[in-house]
Amino acid sequence: MKRNLTWLACGSLAAAACLITPAYAATQKPNVLLIVADDLGYSDLGAFGGEIDTPNLDELIKHSTQLESLYVAPTCSPTRSMLMSGTDNHLAGIGNMAEMITPHLTPEQIDKPGYEGYLNDRVAALPELLKDAGYHTYMVGKWHLGGADGRRPQQRGFEKSYALMGGGAANFKQASPMQVASDAPEPVYRENDAKVELATDFYSSSAYTDKLMEYVDSNLSDAKPFFAYAAYTAAHLPLQAPDDYLKKYRGRYDQGYDLTAAKRIEKMKVLGLVDAEATPVPMPKGVKPWTSLSGDEKAYSARTMEAYAAMVDAFDHEVGRLITHLKDKGVYDQTLIIFLSDNGPEGNDWSQDVENDKWIPQHFDVSLDNIGRPNSFAYQGPAWGQVSAQPFRMFKAYTNEGGVRSASFIRFPSHVDLQRSDAVVTAMDIMPTILDAAGVKHPGVEYHGKTIEPMKGMSLLPMLKGKASTVHNKDYTLGIELMGRSAIRKGDWKIVYSYTDGKGAWALYDLKTDRGELHDLSGKNPGKLNELLAEWAQYVQQNNVISTGRDTTYPRRDY
């Protein structure tokens, strides 16, 4: 569904309505704020169709370009590696998540280039280049790109950082385990490379916002621009939020997941995000209809979604607090703001991963009244995960649209009244866009005496400035692979390699008529299938993809 974009340049408006001053436009590089949510679903924000209260993000979107087709990786660290490198995750060092590269699970990938499990030295990291160009560089939140010496935020270009080093943790400081799985290590936090203990009143979204505002304030007097990477851990499991937010959502999901999904689609129709004939993507295989659940099952299920909504609401509040702070300090109008989620929502049954079914009830209070509070452990699960992913199919860890299509927007400070774009863009395009806006040239194939990978992404600025309607040409081919699951999109066509009962097969979809990937056309259109399979073979070769030939993602019980 193509839309015309309305672009109003600053020079054509009255000074009172302009987002930047002429003096700024002529003399100063923009500040950059990159906000990354963790496991946020495509339709969770109000502006994307959700019923969760997200007024601050919704207001920000009104002054931004809403990106309807931004693609990310199926899970977190591969996306983050693309954001920090501008190239494919298989080249940047996260061909697979570090925790999934093990002798038992993926022996083929151990010690292979591109599968180091951290942001490797064959890329020039975004904060390194911006720091070289005179930017202050700050980071808060989830790093997940390497924890050993030489691989941490401080050593990859961040001047100040307050980082969770691994992939996840409890969102409160709590006496029970802080890790997110039975086989996960205890989380480590570092500030400016030194290990730190959490404050007793720590709540992740609030703490990250406080720290980032402190960093921004620390150097405002020197008038140098800043790059701020706000890598929040909301809404990654375990779902936890302050009590006031939990109380706010009591009863909101008693209607169940089927009706909630239907209401989201209806709202998306009103917003113009889907066509008038759109219907919800069906629930994943094995999900029972809401009406067939017992009273206790309904109560527990609804309460988990209440906790998720509360966590997203609390996150939205913190983004609002951050934006207000930038306005109060007089730097908002000079700030390029980019927002995305690192992957689709977490819809997997976390209890089935390794020994979590035993570990969770042994270490946490999983009673109904405690869901969402400190010392609780809750997650959306397949039904509510599919609600969050509407109007797309599946969720995190899958290469279907629901796992790799991100709710995203970008606010370019020299324009106002920006609308929407359904142009295909990727996580790899974010770094080129930021460098372009900052007037920083990527070094190409050599940086500090080392051979590096060139960027594969392209800048969005021509599109944002109204000079182009798309970022990539019509024949642009996007490849995605992670843990044995794969996909290629070219134009409106997409092939997906997924597994059923351990057996893998390719399916072909026409996204123009089937955004939910419900109708496999591989049998009816073998020519198109073969065309995209040839593109897949080229993607594997160009990006050093080492496939295991089997499904190695979670839930897993291989130990």
Protein backbone atom coordinates (compact mmCIF):
# COMPACT_ATOMS: atom_id res chain seq x y z
CA MET A 1 0.00 0.00 0.00
CA LYS A 2 1.88 3.07 -1.29
CA ARG A 3 1.34 6.49 0.22
CA ASN A 4 2.33 9.99 -0.79
CA LEU A 5 4.54 11.77 1.71
CA THR A 6 4.08 15.45 2.50
CA TRP A 7 7.36 17.24 3.16
CA LEU A 8 7.51 20.78 4.54
CA ALA A 9 10.99 22.22 4.58
CA CYS A 10 11.99 24.48 7.43
CA GLY A 11 12.65 27.41 5.19
CA SER A 12 9.05 27.43 3.97
CA LEU A 13 7.53 27.84 7.41
CA ALA A 14 7.17 30.63 9.90
CA ALA A 15 9.98 30.68 12.41
CA ALA A 16 7.64 29.77 15.26
CA ALA A 17 6.65 26.54 13.53
CA CYS A 18 10.12 25.50 12.49
CA LEU A 19 11.84 22.58 14.17
CA ILE A 20 15.34 24.04 13.80
CA THR A 21 16.78 27.53 13.59
CA PRO A 22 18.60 28.76 10.47
CA ALA A 23 21.76 29.23 12.56
CA TYR A 24 21.68 25.60 13.63
CA ALA A 25 21.07 24.36 10.09
CA ALA A 26 24.08 26.25 8.81
CA THR A 27 26.62 25.65 11.52
CA GLN A 28 25.97 22.64 13.74
CA LYS A 29 25.90 18.91 13.33
CA PRO A 30 22.80 17.23 14.75
CA ASN A 31 22.69 15.37 17.99
CA VAL A 32 21.57 11.76 17.54
CA LEU A 33 19.31 9.73 19.83
CA LEU A 34 18.95 6.07 18.87
CA ILE A 35 16.26 4.34 20.95
CA VAL A 36 16.02 0.57 20.75
CA ALA A 37 13.20 -1.30 22.47
CA ASP A 38 13.66 -4.96 23.37
CA ASP A 39 11.12 -7.52 22.08
CA LEU A 40 8.45 -4.93 21.28
CA GLY A 41 5.69 -6.10 18.94
CA TYR A 42 4.77 -4.33 15.71
CA SER A 43 1.27 -3.34 16.86
CA ASP A 44 1.97 -2.60 20.52
CA LEU A 45 2.30 1.19 20.23
CA GLY A 46 -0.91 3.18 19.94
CA ALA A 47 0.23 4.74 16.65
CA PHE A 48 0.69 1.24 15.22
CA GLY A 49 -2.69 -0.09 16.38
CA GLY A 50 -2.20 -1.09 20.00
CA GLU A 51 -4.46 -0.51 23.00
CA ILE A 52 -1.48 -0.02 25.35
CA ASP A 53 -1.14 3.58 26.53
CA THR A 54 1.93 4.99 24.76
CA PRO A 55 1.18 8.74 24.52
CA ASN A 56 4.78 9.90 24.46
CA LEU A 57 5.90 7.68 21.61
CA ASP A 58 2.65 8.35 19.76
CA GLU A 59 3.24 12.09 20.03
CA LEU A 60 6.81 11.71 18.84
CA ILE A 61 5.62 9.75 15.81
CA LYS A 62 3.40 12.70 14.83
CA HIS A 63 6.59 14.67 14.16
CA SER A 64 8.42 11.81 12.50
CA THR A 65 8.39 9.53 9.49
CA GLN A 66 6.61 6.34 10.51
CA LEU A 67 8.52 3.47 8.94
CA GLU A 68 6.15 0.62 8.20
CA SER A 69 8.65 -1.80 6.63
CA LEU A 70 11.85 -1.70 8.66
CA TYR A 71 13.45 -5.14 8.90
CA VAL A 72 15.61 -6.40 11.74
CA ALA A 73 17.07 -9.78 12.69
CA PRO A 74 14.90 -12.41 14.41
CA THR A 75 16.70 -11.88 17.75
CA CYS A 76 18.52 -9.17 19.64
CA SER A 77 22.31 -9.21 19.30
CA PRO A 78 22.34 -9.80 15.51
CA THR A 79 20.21 -6.66 15.06
CA ARG A 80 22.43 -4.68 17.42
CA SER A 81 25.51 -5.73 15.46
CA MET A 82 23.92 -4.38 12.27
CA LEU A 83 23.05 -1.09 13.97
CA MET A 84 26.62 -0.67 15.15
CA SER A 85 28.29 -1.75 11.88
CA GLY A 86 25.99 -0.97 8.96
CA THR A 87 26.61 -4.43 7.54
CA ASP A 88 25.18 -7.93 7.78
CA ASN A 89 25.34 -9.60 11.18
CA HIS A 90 27.15 -12.62 9.69
CA LEU A 91 30.02 -10.32 8.75
CA ALA A 92 29.94 -8.21 11.91
CA GLY A 93 30.56 -11.15 14.26
CA ILE A 94 27.04 -12.16 15.29
CA GLY A 95 26.24 -14.78 12.66
CA ASN A 96 24.65 -16.43 15.65
CA MET A 97 24.07 -15.27 19.20
CA ALA A 98 27.07 -16.06 21.38
CA GLU A 99 25.01 -18.18 23.76
CA MET A 100 23.86 -20.36 20.86
CA ILE A 101 27.35 -21.18 19.58
CA THR A 102 28.18 -24.29 21.58
CA PRO A 103 29.80 -27.70 20.91
CA HIS A 104 26.46 -29.38 21.56
CA LEU A 105 24.28 -27.09 19.47
CA THR A 106 26.31 -25.57 16.62
CA PRO A 107 29.79 -27.12 16.39
CA GLU A 108 30.04 -26.05 12.73
CA GLN A 109 30.11 -22.38 13.72
CA ILE A 110 32.72 -22.45 16.48
CA ASP A 111 35.82 -20.34 15.70
CA LYS A 112 34.49 -19.36 12.28
CA PRO A 113 34.85 -15.78 10.97
CA GLY A 114 31.61 -13.89 11.49
CA TYR A 115 30.60 -16.20 14.33
CA GLU A 116 32.80 -14.73 17.05
CA GLY A 117 29.73 -13.97 19.18
CA TYR A 118 30.78 -10.34 19.61
CA LEU A 119 31.13 -7.21 17.45
CA ASN A 120 34.33 -8.14 15.71
CA ASP A 121 37.36 -6.06 14.70
CA ARG A 122 36.51 -6.30 11.01
CA VAL A 123 33.96 -3.50 11.34
CA ALA A 124 34.29 0.15 12.27
CA ALA A 125 31.71 0.68 15.01
CA LEU A 126 29.29 3.59 14.77
CA PRO A 127 30.36 5.19 18.09
CA GLU A 128 34.01 4.90 17.09
CA LEU A 129 33.46 6.90 13.92
CA LEU A 130 31.29 9.50 15.61
CA LYS A 131 33.77 9.90 18.45
CA ASP A 132 36.56 10.37 15.89
CA ALA A 133 34.41 13.10 14.30
CA GLY A 134 34.10 15.07 17.54
CA TYR A 135 30.88 13.67 18.95
CA HIS A 136 30.31 12.83 22.57
CA THR A 137 29.16 9.19 22.64
CA TYR A 138 26.91 7.80 25.37
CA MET A 139 25.24 4.46 25.88
CA VAL A 140 22.78 3.05 28.40
CA GLY A 141 21.05 -0.31 28.56
CA LYS A 142 21.68 -3.60 26.83
CA TRP A 143 25.00 -4.14 25.04
CA HIS A 144 25.06 -7.88 24.23
CA LEU A 145 27.92 -7.46 21.75
CA GLY A 146 30.82 -8.80 23.79
CA GLY A 147 31.91 -8.74 27.41
CA ALA A 148 35.61 -9.57 27.33
CA ASP A 149 38.43 -7.01 27.33
CA GLY A 150 38.47 -5.02 24.12
CA ARG A 151 34.87 -5.83 23.25
CA ARG A 152 32.89 -3.75 25.71
CA PRO A 153 31.16 -0.42 25.00
CA GLN A 154 34.03 1.67 26.37
CA GLN A 155 36.45 0.01 23.97
CA ARG A 156 34.16 0.30 20.92
CA GLY A 157 33.81 4.06 21.01
CA PHE A 158 31.48 4.99 23.85
CA GLU A 159 32.82 7.80 26.00
CA LYS A 160 30.34 7.08 28.81
CA SER A 161 28.29 3.93 29.25
CA TYR A 162 26.05 2.21 31.76
CA ALA A 163 25.46 -1.21 30.31
CA LEU A 164 23.91 -4.58 30.94
CA MET A 165 26.56 -6.70 29.26
CA GLY A 166 24.45 -9.75 28.38
CA GLY A 167 21.14 -10.49 26.73
CA GLY A 168 18.69 -9.98 29.57
CA ALA A 169 18.04 -9.67 33.28
CA ALA A 170 15.34 -9.04 35.83
CA ASN A 171 14.13 -5.46 35.62
CA PHE A 172 14.18 -4.85 39.37
CA LYS A 173 17.04 -5.45 41.73
CA GLN A 174 15.79 -8.57 43.50
CA ALA A 175 17.05 -11.21 45.84
CA SER A 176 16.02 -14.08 43.58
CA PRO A 177 18.08 -14.88 40.48
CA MET A 178 18.56 -11.90 38.19
CA GLN A 179 19.22 -14.00 35.09
CA VAL A 180 16.54 -14.88 32.54
CA ALA A 181 17.09 -18.62 32.09
CA SER A 182 18.29 -21.64 34.01
CA ASP A 183 21.50 -21.86 31.97
CA ALA A 184 22.17 -18.11 31.77
CA PRO A 185 24.95 -16.49 33.81
CA GLU A 186 24.24 -13.91 36.49
CA PRO A 187 23.95 -10.55 34.69
CA VAL A 188 26.85 -8.09 34.81
CA TYR A 189 26.45 -4.31 34.75
CA ARG A 190 29.31 -1.96 33.97
CA GLU A 191 29.60 1.80 34.13
CA ASN A 192 32.49 3.25 32.15
CA ASP A 193 33.91 -0.28 31.98
CA ALA A 194 33.95 -0.89 35.75
CA LYS A 195 31.57 -3.45 37.27
CA VAL A 196 28.84 -1.86 39.36
CA GLU A 197 26.17 -3.01 41.79
CA LEU A 198 22.60 -1.97 41.20
CA ALA A 199 20.88 0.52 43.46
CA THR A 200 18.27 -0.93 45.79
CA ASP A 201 15.49 1.00 43.98
CA PHE A 202 16.72 -0.01 40.51
CA TYR A 203 14.11 -0.37 37.79
CA SER A 204 15.64 -0.80 34.37
CA SER A 205 13.75 1.76 32.25
CA SER A 206 13.95 4.46 34.93
CA ALA A 207 17.60 3.82 35.74
CA TYR A 208 18.67 3.95 32.10
CA THR A 209 16.82 7.21 31.55
CA ASP A 210 18.33 8.81 34.67
CA LYS A 211 21.82 7.82 33.61
CA LEU A 212 21.44 8.99 30.01
CA MET A 213 20.15 12.39 31.12
CA GLU A 214 23.15 12.65 33.43
CA TYR A 215 25.52 11.87 30.55
CA VAL A 216 23.89 14.37 28.20
CA ASP A 217 24.07 17.10 30.84
CA SER A 218 27.73 16.41 31.62
CA ASN A 219 29.07 18.00 28.43
CA LEU A 220 26.40 20.43 27.27
CA SER A 221 28.62 23.44 28.00
CA ASP A 222 31.14 22.60 25.27
CA ALA A 223 28.48 22.70 22.51
CA LYS A 224 29.77 19.50 20.88
CA PRO A 225 27.05 17.24 19.43
CA PHE A 226 26.24 13.94 21.10
CA PHE A 227 25.29 10.44 20.02
CA ALA A 228 23.10 8.77 22.64
CA TYR A 229 22.31 5.06 22.31
CA ALA A 230 19.34 4.23 24.56
CA ALA A 231 19.12 0.44 24.48
CA TYR A 232 16.24 -0.19 26.88
CA THR A 233 15.49 -3.73 28.06
CA ALA A 234 11.72 -3.20 27.98
CA ALA A 235 9.81 -5.30 27.18
CA HIS A 236 12.13 -8.31 27.44
CA LEU A 237 11.10 -11.06 29.85
CA PRO A 238 10.68 -11.37 32.75
CA LEU A 239 7.72 -9.00 32.46
CA GLN A 240 7.96 -6.60 35.40
CA ALA A 241 6.69 -3.10 36.10
CA PRO A 242 6.07 -0.78 39.05
CA ASP A 243 2.83 -1.46 40.93
CA ASP A 244 1.03 1.67 39.71
CA TYR A 245 1.38 0.52 36.12
CA LEU A 246 0.29 -3.02 36.96
CA LYS A 247 -2.84 -1.74 38.68
CA LYS A 248 -3.67 0.45 35.69
CA TYR A 249 -4.09 -2.58 33.43
CA ARG A 250 -6.12 -4.80 35.75
CA GLY A 251 -8.94 -6.31 33.73
CA ARG A 252 -7.94 -4.77 30.39
CA TYR A 253 -7.26 -8.16 28.83
CA ASP A 254 -10.07 -10.18 30.35
CA GLN A 255 -11.61 -10.19 26.86
CA GLY A 256 -8.86 -12.57 25.75
CA TYR A 257 -6.30 -12.72 23.00
CA ASP A 258 -8.65 -13.48 20.09
CA LEU A 259 -10.77 -10.38 20.63
CA THR A 260 -7.74 -8.20 21.43
CA ALA A 261 -6.13 -9.19 18.11
CA ALA A 262 -9.36 -8.38 16.26
CA LYS A 263 -9.61 -4.97 17.92
CA ARG A 264 -6.02 -4.18 16.96
CA ILE A 265 -6.74 -4.95 13.32
CA GLU A 266 -9.81 -2.73 13.42
CA LYS A 267 -7.76 0.13 14.85
CA MET A 268 -5.07 -0.41 12.22
CA LYS A 269 -7.78 -0.06 9.56
CA VAL A 270 -8.79 3.30 11.02
CA LEU A 271 -5.15 4.38 11.07
CA GLY A 272 -4.69 3.31 7.47
CA LEU A 273 -2.03 0.73 8.32
CA VAL A 274 -3.94 -2.20 6.79
CA ASP A 275 -6.62 -2.44 4.12
CA ALA A 276 -10.33 -2.63 4.83
CA GLU A 277 -10.47 -6.39 4.23
CA ALA A 278 -7.69 -7.25 6.70
CA THR A 279 -8.33 -9.89 9.35
CA PRO A 280 -6.15 -11.02 12.27
CA VAL A 281 -3.44 -13.55 11.56
CA PRO A 282 -4.58 -16.82 13.19
CA MET A 283 -3.01 -17.97 16.42
CA PRO A 284 -0.02 -20.32 16.17
CA LYS A 285 -0.56 -24.04 16.10
CA GLY A 286 -1.43 -25.42 19.53
CA VAL A 287 -2.97 -22.24 20.96
CA LYS A 288 -6.42 -22.95 22.35
CA PRO A 289 -9.33 -20.59 21.60
CA TRP A 290 -9.88 -18.23 24.52
CA THR A 291 -13.40 -19.58 25.05
CA SER A 292 -12.04 -23.08 25.67
CA LEU A 293 -9.82 -22.04 28.59
CA SER A 294 -10.81 -22.58 32.19
CA GLY A 295 -11.43 -19.59 34.46
CA ASP A 296 -8.04 -20.00 36.12
CA GLU A 297 -6.29 -20.28 32.75
CA LYS A 298 -7.97 -17.11 31.51
CA ALA A 299 -7.06 -15.20 34.66
CA TYR A 300 -3.40 -16.19 34.52
CA SER A 301 -3.09 -15.57 30.79
CA ALA A 302 -4.72 -12.14 31.00
CA ARG A 303 -2.50 -11.18 33.92
CA THR A 304 0.67 -11.90 31.92
CA MET A 305 -0.50 -9.55 29.18
CA GLU A 306 -1.36 -6.94 31.80
CA ALA A 307 2.26 -7.14 32.98
CA TYR A 308 3.52 -6.78 29.43
CA ALA A 309 1.33 -3.74 28.78
CA ALA A 310 2.39 -2.18 32.08
CA MET A 311 6.04 -2.64 31.17
CA VAL A 312 5.55 -1.02 27.75
CA ASP A 313 3.59 1.83 29.36
CA ALA A 314 6.38 2.42 31.89
CA PHE A 315 8.92 2.40 29.06
CA ASP A 316 6.86 4.97 27.15
CA HIS A 317 6.81 7.18 30.25
CA GLU A 318 10.61 7.07 30.44
CA VAL A 319 10.96 7.98 26.77
CA GLY A 320 8.66 10.92 27.46
CA ARG A 321 10.79 11.95 30.40
CA LEU A 322 13.91 11.80 28.23
CA ILE A 323 12.34 13.88 25.45
CA THR A 324 11.11 16.47 27.95
CA HIS A 325 14.63 16.69 29.35
CA LEU A 326 16.11 17.31 25.91
CA LYS A 327 13.56 20.08 25.35
CA ASP A 328 14.29 21.63 28.74
CA LYS A 329 18.01 21.65 27.93
CA GLY A 330 17.38 23.27 24.55
CA VAL A 331 18.77 20.42 22.45
CA TYR A 332 15.64 18.61 21.25
CA ASP A 333 15.24 20.72 18.11
CA GLN A 334 18.77 19.79 17.05
CA THR A 335 18.34 16.04 17.62
CA LEU A 336 17.83 13.30 15.06
CA ILE A 337 15.73 10.61 16.77
CA ILE A 338 15.48 7.03 15.54
CA PHE A 339 13.29 4.41 17.20
CA LEU A 340 12.98 0.68 16.54
CA SER A 341 12.62 -2.67 18.24
CA ASP A 342 15.45 -5.19 17.96
CA ASN A 343 13.11 -7.97 16.83
CA GLY A 344 9.51 -9.08 17.11
CA PRO A 345 7.73 -9.83 20.39
CA GLU A 346 8.71 -12.80 22.56
CA GLY A 347 6.03 -15.35 21.74
CA ASN A 348 7.96 -18.51 22.49
CA ASP A 349 7.06 -20.74 25.42
CA TRP A 350 9.99 -19.84 27.65
CA SER A 351 9.22 -22.61 30.11
CA GLN A 352 10.19 -25.16 27.46
CA ASP A 353 13.73 -23.85 27.01
CA VAL A 354 16.36 -26.09 28.66
CA GLU A 355 15.23 -26.59 32.30
CA ASN A 356 13.15 -23.44 32.73
CA ASP A 357 9.98 -25.39 33.50
CA LYS A 358 11.60 -26.51 36.75
CA TRP A 359 13.88 -23.56 37.41
CA ILE A 360 11.24 -20.81 37.19
CA PRO A 361 8.81 -22.12 39.83
CA GLN A 362 11.70 -23.12 42.10
CA HIS A 363 13.20 -19.61 42.20
CA PHE A 364 10.33 -17.18 41.62
CA ASP A 365 6.90 -16.42 43.01
CA VAL A 366 4.71 -17.25 40.03
CA SER A 367 1.39 -16.84 41.81
CA LEU A 368 -1.36 -14.88 40.06
CA ASP A 369 -1.23 -11.87 42.39
CA ASN A 370 2.55 -11.54 42.04
CA ILE A 371 2.78 -11.47 38.25
CA GLY A 372 4.74 -8.43 37.09
CA ARG A 373 6.20 -7.62 40.51
CA PRO A 374 9.80 -8.11 41.73
CA ASN A 375 10.61 -11.80 42.20
CA SER A 376 8.04 -12.76 39.56
CA PHE A 377 8.73 -14.41 36.22
CA ALA A 378 6.21 -13.99 33.41
CA TYR A 379 6.31 -13.88 29.62
CA GLN A 380 3.74 -13.37 26.86
CA GLY A 381 3.73 -16.83 25.33
CA PRO A 382 2.53 -17.76 21.82
CA ALA A 383 -1.02 -16.33 21.96
CA TRP A 384 -0.23 -12.87 23.29
CA GLY A 385 3.01 -12.81 21.29
CA GLN A 386 0.92 -13.24 18.16
CA VAL A 387 -1.34 -10.41 19.29
CA SER A 388 1.69 -8.12 19.59
CA ALA A 389 2.94 -9.18 16.15
CA GLN A 390 -0.33 -8.41 14.34
CA PRO A 391 -0.89 -8.01 11.41
CA PHE A 392 2.04 -10.35 10.78
CA ARG A 393 2.66 -14.01 11.47
CA MET A 394 4.81 -15.42 14.28
CA PHE A 395 7.24 -13.58 16.51
CA LYS A 396 10.80 -13.41 17.86
CA ALA A 397 13.26 -16.04 16.59
CA TYR A 398 11.24 -16.61 13.39
CA THR A 399 12.03 -15.18 9.97
CA ASN A 400 8.34 -14.69 9.27
CA GLU A 401 7.26 -11.05 9.18
CA GLY A 402 6.17 -10.98 12.83
CA GLY A 403 9.70 -11.84 13.92
CA VAL A 404 11.59 -9.39 11.71
CA ARG A 405 9.29 -6.40 11.00
CA SER A 406 9.86 -3.61 13.52
CA ALA A 407 7.61 -0.76 14.64
CA SER A 408 9.91 2.13 13.79
CA PHE A 409 10.11 5.85 13.11
CA ILE A 410 12.67 8.53 12.48
CA ARG A 411 12.51 12.22 13.32
CA PHE A 412 14.72 14.29 11.06
CA PRO A 413 15.00 17.73 12.68
CA SER A 414 14.90 19.87 9.54
CA HIS A 415 11.42 18.84 8.47
CA VAL A 416 7.94 18.79 10.01
CA ASP A 417 4.57 17.17 9.32
CA LEU A 418 6.23 14.02 8.09
CA GLN A 419 3.92 11.18 7.19
CA ARG A 420 4.56 7.48 6.56
CA SER A 421 6.71 5.35 4.34
CA ASP A 422 6.28 1.70 3.40
CA ALA A 423 9.69 1.62 1.69
CA VAL A 424 11.76 -1.40 2.65
CA VAL A 425 14.57 -0.39 5.01
CA THR A 426 16.76 -2.44 7.34
CA ALA A 427 18.75 -2.22 10.52
CA MET A 428 21.84 -1.93 8.30
CA ASP A 429 20.51 1.41 6.98
CA ILE A 430 20.53 3.10 10.38
CA MET A 431 24.30 3.63 10.64
CA PRO A 432 24.64 5.09 7.11
CA THR A 433 21.74 7.42 7.89
CA ILE A 434 23.33 8.66 11.10
CA LEU A 435 26.74 9.12 9.48
CA ASP A 436 25.15 10.97 6.58
CA ALA A 437 23.26 13.31 8.91
CA ALA A 438 26.45 13.93 10.90
CA GLY A 439 28.55 14.58 7.81
CA VAL A 440 30.85 11.68 8.65
CA LYS A 441 32.29 9.51 5.91
CA HIS A 442 32.72 5.79 6.50
CA PRO A 443 36.38 4.77 6.03
CA GLY A 444 35.49 2.09 3.49
CA VAL A 445 37.69 -0.99 3.77
CA GLU A 446 40.40 0.17 6.19
CA TYR A 447 40.19 1.66 9.66
CA HIS A 448 43.13 2.29 12.01
CA GLY A 449 45.36 0.06 9.92
CA LYS A 450 42.92 -2.87 9.83
CA THR A 451 40.93 -4.23 6.92
CA ILE A 452 37.23 -3.82 7.62
CA GLU A 453 33.90 -4.62 6.03
CA PRO A 454 32.26 -1.81 4.06
CA MET A 455 28.71 -0.89 4.98
CA LYS A 456 25.93 -2.68 3.13
CA GLY A 457 23.20 -0.30 4.27
CA MET A 458 22.14 2.97 2.64
CA SER A 459 21.20 6.36 4.07
CA LEU A 460 17.54 7.26 4.51
CA LEU A 461 18.28 10.99 4.23
CA PRO A 462 17.42 11.34 0.53
CA MET A 463 14.00 9.88 1.30
CA LEU A 464 13.59 11.97 4.45
CA LYS A 465 14.46 15.12 2.51
CA GLY A 466 11.89 14.30 -0.15
CA LYS A 467 14.48 13.64 -2.86
CA ALA A 468 13.55 9.96 -3.19
CA SER A 469 10.50 7.83 -2.47
CA THR A 470 12.50 4.75 -1.50
CA VAL A 471 15.87 3.85 0.00
CA HIS A 472 16.72 0.81 -2.10
CA ASN A 473 15.95 0.07 -5.73
CA LYS A 474 13.00 -2.11 -6.72
CA ASP A 475 15.20 -5.18 -7.16
CA TYR A 476 16.77 -4.89 -3.71
CA THR A 477 17.14 -8.30 -2.11
CA LEU A 478 17.07 -8.68 1.66
CA GLY A 479 18.48 -11.84 3.22
CA ILE A 480 17.87 -13.03 6.78
CA GLU A 481 19.26 -16.10 8.53
CA LEU A 482 19.52 -17.11 12.13
CA MET A 483 19.77 -20.48 13.84
CA GLY A 484 18.70 -22.46 10.78
CA ARG A 485 15.70 -20.29 9.93
CA SER A 486 16.04 -18.23 6.77
CA ALA A 487 14.28 -15.80 4.46
CA ILE A 488 14.77 -13.78 1.28
CA ARG A 489 12.60 -10.81 0.31
CA LYS A 490 12.79 -9.33 -3.18
CA GLY A 491 10.13 -6.84 -4.18
CA ASP A 492 6.81 -8.11 -2.87
CA TRP A 493 7.95 -11.73 -2.91
CA LYS A 494 9.42 -13.60 0.02
CA ILE A 495 10.62 -17.12 0.69
CA VAL A 496 10.84 -18.47 4.22
CA TYR A 497 12.66 -21.59 5.38
CA SER A 498 11.11 -22.97 8.54
CA TYR A 499 10.65 -26.27 10.31
CA THR A 500 7.69 -28.49 11.09
CA ASP A 501 8.31 -31.52 13.28
CA GLY A 502 12.03 -31.16 12.67
CA LYS A 503 11.73 -31.09 8.88
CA GLY A 504 12.67 -27.94 7.00
CA ALA A 505 11.09 -26.59 3.82
CA TRP A 506 10.89 -23.39 1.78
CA ALA A 507 7.60 -21.56 1.37
CA LEU A 508 6.84 -18.74 -1.06
CA TYR A 509 4.63 -15.77 -0.23
CA ASP A 510 3.34 -12.72 -2.08
CA LEU A 511 3.44 -10.02 0.59
CA LYS A 512 1.42 -7.64 -1.56
CA THR A 513 -1.67 -9.80 -1.14
CA ASP A 514 -0.64 -11.95 1.83
CA ARG A 515 1.19 -9.95 4.50
CA GLY A 516 0.35 -12.67 7.04
CA GLU A 517 2.24 -15.34 5.06
CA LEU A 518 -0.68 -17.75 5.16
CA HIS A 519 -0.69 -19.00 1.57
CA ASP A 520 2.35 -20.90 0.33
CA LEU A 521 2.62 -20.37 -3.44
CA SER A 522 5.75 -22.46 -4.00
CA GLY A 523 3.78 -25.21 -5.72
CA LYS A 524 1.87 -22.82 -7.97
CA ASN A 525 4.84 -20.61 -8.86
CA PRO A 526 8.01 -22.74 -8.98
CA GLY A 527 9.71 -20.20 -11.25
CA LYS A 528 9.53 -17.46 -8.63
CA LEU A 529 10.64 -19.91 -5.94
CA ASN A 530 13.71 -20.86 -7.96
CA GLU A 531 14.48 -17.20 -8.64
CA LEU A 532 14.53 -16.43 -4.92
CA LEU A 533 16.44 -19.61 -4.13
CA ALA A 534 19.18 -18.34 -6.45
CA GLU A 535 19.17 -15.08 -4.49
CA TRP A 536 19.46 -17.12 -1.30
CA ALA A 537 22.53 -18.96 -2.59
CA GLN A 538 24.13 -15.63 -3.46
CA TYR A 539 23.30 -14.20 -0.02
CA VAL A 540 24.92 -17.21 1.69
CA GLN A 541 28.09 -16.82 -0.35
CA GLN A 542 28.38 -13.05 0.03
CA ASN A 543 27.77 -13.03 3.78
CA ASN A 544 29.60 -16.16 4.88
CA VAL A 545 26.47 -17.84 6.23
CA ILE A 546 27.30 -21.14 7.90
CA SER A 547 24.07 -23.09 8.08
CA THR A 548 23.78 -26.15 10.28
CA GLY A 549 21.01 -27.59 8.16
CA ARG A 550 18.78 -27.92 11.21
CA ASP A 551 16.68 -25.83 13.55
CA THR A 552 18.95 -24.70 16.39
CA THR A 553 16.85 -21.98 17.95
CA TYR A 554 14.91 -22.06 21.19
CA PRO A 555 13.01 -23.58 22.92
CA ARG A 556 15.71 -26.24 23.04
CA ARG A 557 16.49 -29.26 25.21
CA ASP A 558 19.80 -30.39 23.78
CA TYR A 559 21.77 -30.48 27.06
